Protein backbone atom coordinates (compact mmCIF):
# COMPACT_ATOMS: atom_id res chain seq x y z
CA MET A 1 -12.27 5.91 10.65
CA LYS A 2 -15.01 5.13 8.28
CA ASN A 3 -14.15 2.06 5.94
CA PRO A 4 -13.70 3.06 2.10
CA THR A 5 -16.99 3.13 0.20
CA PRO A 6 -17.59 0.06 -2.07
CA ALA A 7 -17.37 2.67 -5.33
CA GLN A 8 -13.94 3.93 -3.63
CA LEU A 9 -12.87 0.25 -3.19
CA ARG A 10 -13.06 -0.40 -7.03
CA GLN A 11 -11.21 2.74 -7.33
CA LEU A 12 -8.61 1.64 -5.47
CA LYS A 13 -8.48 -1.94 -6.96
CA ALA A 14 -8.32 -0.03 -10.45
CA ALA A 15 -5.31 2.18 -9.59
CA ALA A 16 -3.18 -0.40 -7.91
CA LYS A 17 -3.55 -2.53 -10.89
CA THR A 18 -2.96 0.31 -13.06
CA ALA A 19 0.07 0.89 -11.55
CA ALA A 20 1.98 -2.58 -11.31
CA GLY A 21 2.02 -2.16 -14.86
CA ARG A 22 3.78 0.80 -14.52
CA ALA A 23 6.29 -0.91 -12.14
CA TYR A 24 9.82 -1.18 -12.79
CA ALA A 25 10.79 -4.80 -11.48
CA PRO A 26 13.69 -5.89 -14.25
CA TYR A 27 15.46 -7.79 -11.75
CA SER A 28 12.46 -9.82 -10.13
CA LYS A 29 9.66 -9.62 -12.76
CA PHE A 30 7.18 -9.43 -9.98
CA THR A 31 5.33 -6.35 -10.25
CA VAL A 32 3.76 -4.74 -7.77
CA GLY A 33 1.06 -1.45 -7.48
CA ALA A 34 -0.58 -0.02 -4.58
CA ALA A 35 -3.14 2.55 -3.88
CA ILE A 36 -3.91 4.08 -0.82
CA LEU A 37 -7.29 6.22 0.35
CA THR A 38 -6.11 9.03 2.70
CA SER A 39 -8.72 10.39 5.43
CA THR A 40 -9.20 13.33 3.05
CA ASP A 41 -10.84 10.64 0.95
CA ARG A 42 -7.73 11.02 -1.83
CA ILE A 43 -6.17 8.31 -3.96
CA TYR A 44 -2.64 7.94 -4.78
CA SER A 45 -1.01 5.18 -6.25
CA GLY A 46 2.81 3.76 -6.82
CA CYS A 47 4.73 0.68 -7.84
CA ASN A 48 7.67 -1.05 -6.57
CA VAL A 49 10.73 0.43 -8.42
CA GLU A 50 13.94 -1.90 -8.34
CA ASN A 51 17.70 -1.08 -8.30
CA ALA A 52 20.55 -3.25 -9.30
CA SER A 53 21.60 -2.55 -5.59
CA TYR A 54 18.57 -4.97 -4.32
CA GLY A 55 18.61 -2.52 -0.82
CA LEU A 56 17.53 0.46 -2.98
CA THR A 57 14.13 -1.22 -4.47
CA ASN A 58 11.55 0.65 -2.85
CA CYS A 59 7.99 -1.34 -2.81
CA ALA A 60 4.76 -0.33 -4.52
CA GLU A 61 3.10 0.48 -0.76
CA ARG A 62 5.87 2.68 -0.19
CA THR A 63 5.58 4.83 -3.03
CA ALA A 64 1.97 5.76 -2.82
CA ILE A 65 2.91 6.71 0.52
CA PHE A 66 5.27 9.10 -0.45
CA ASN A 67 3.41 9.96 -3.24
CA ALA A 68 0.86 11.53 -1.20
CA VAL A 69 3.46 13.04 1.15
CA ALA A 70 5.34 14.52 -1.72
CA ALA A 71 1.25 15.57 -2.99
CA GLY A 72 1.31 17.80 0.24
CA GLU A 73 -0.60 15.29 2.49
CA LYS A 74 0.70 17.00 5.88
CA ARG A 75 -1.32 15.55 8.02
CA LEU A 76 -1.45 12.04 5.89
CA ARG A 77 -3.90 9.53 7.74
CA LEU A 78 -4.17 6.45 5.90
CA LYS A 79 -8.07 5.02 5.69
CA CYS A 80 -6.77 1.80 3.51
CA VAL A 81 -4.29 0.02 1.30
CA VAL A 82 -4.70 -1.53 -1.41
CA VAL A 83 -1.80 -3.94 -3.05
CA TYR A 84 -2.52 -5.82 -6.11
CA THR A 85 -0.07 -8.46 -7.68
CA PRO A 86 -0.68 -9.92 -10.85
CA THR A 87 -0.41 -13.42 -9.00
CA ASP A 88 -2.91 -16.16 -8.76
CA ILE A 89 -2.46 -15.86 -5.12
CA PRO A 90 -2.44 -12.32 -2.97
CA THR A 91 0.70 -11.37 -1.60
CA ALA A 92 0.42 -8.69 1.86
CA PRO A 93 2.87 -6.08 2.05
CA CYS A 94 6.41 -6.78 3.43
CA GLY A 95 7.90 -6.03 7.00
CA ALA A 96 8.86 -2.74 5.69
CA CYS A 97 5.69 -1.21 4.11
CA ARG A 98 3.92 -2.72 7.11
CA GLN A 99 6.24 -0.02 9.57
CA VAL A 100 5.67 2.77 7.06
CA ILE A 101 1.74 2.00 7.17
CA ASN A 102 1.66 1.66 10.49
CA GLU A 103 3.29 5.64 10.87
CA PHE A 104 0.76 6.82 8.74
CA GLY A 105 -2.49 4.69 9.03
CA PRO A 106 -2.27 2.57 12.45
CA ASP A 107 -6.23 1.59 11.74
CA ALA A 108 -5.73 1.30 8.22
CA ARG A 109 -7.58 -1.37 6.34
CA ILE A 110 -5.15 -3.07 4.04
CA LEU A 111 -6.30 -5.45 1.25
CA SER A 112 -3.88 -7.54 -0.67
CA VAL A 113 -5.89 -8.78 -4.52
CA CYS A 114 -4.50 -10.30 -6.90
CA ARG A 115 -5.48 -11.39 -10.55
CA GLY A 116 -6.90 -14.78 -8.82
CA LYS A 117 -10.02 -15.11 -7.61
CA GLY A 118 -8.32 -14.77 -3.92
CA HIS A 119 -7.67 -11.61 -1.58
CA ILE A 120 -6.46 -10.61 1.94
CA ALA A 121 -8.25 -8.02 4.12
CA SER A 122 -7.01 -7.31 7.44
CA SER A 123 -5.49 -4.38 8.95
CA THR A 124 -2.35 -2.97 10.28
CA ARG A 125 -2.94 -3.66 13.78
CA GLU A 126 -3.18 -7.69 12.52
CA LEU A 127 -0.21 -7.10 10.19
CA LEU A 128 2.11 -5.76 12.58
CA PRO A 129 1.01 -6.45 16.34
CA GLY A 130 3.00 -4.69 18.75
CA ALA A 131 4.26 -1.91 16.27
CA PHE A 132 6.55 0.77 16.68
CA GLY A 133 4.95 4.13 16.30
CA PRO A 134 4.44 8.16 16.49
CA ALA A 135 2.26 7.79 19.63
CA ASP A 136 4.98 5.71 21.27
CA LEU A 137 7.10 8.91 21.33
CA ALA A 138 4.77 11.41 22.39
């Protein structure tokens, strides 16, 4: 799968940053936005949504992926996931998000960006080595 173009990366970063501004994070005050690029070149975004029962919180990355599925991406394949946090250092996806990303994008590029100057560029395979996914069930 081809890497996103520079224009697509700019769009993904902007969408993730906008989504972070929509986050519902009254407990942690840690807002996160994510944007995904699918193999159909569509972009979907999502934000974290916390809950007083903290285990019911949903991360931005999963929200973006679930939004794509809900929008009708029946054969969802992720090309790229961009995660934005309004922090000085970037934050990589949590373990649960890594597993969900693997479900739909075992070869996806993952880019974590922040309001600071740093970033983390990686792949699903780098963030979740030895992952279990749909191919293991075939």
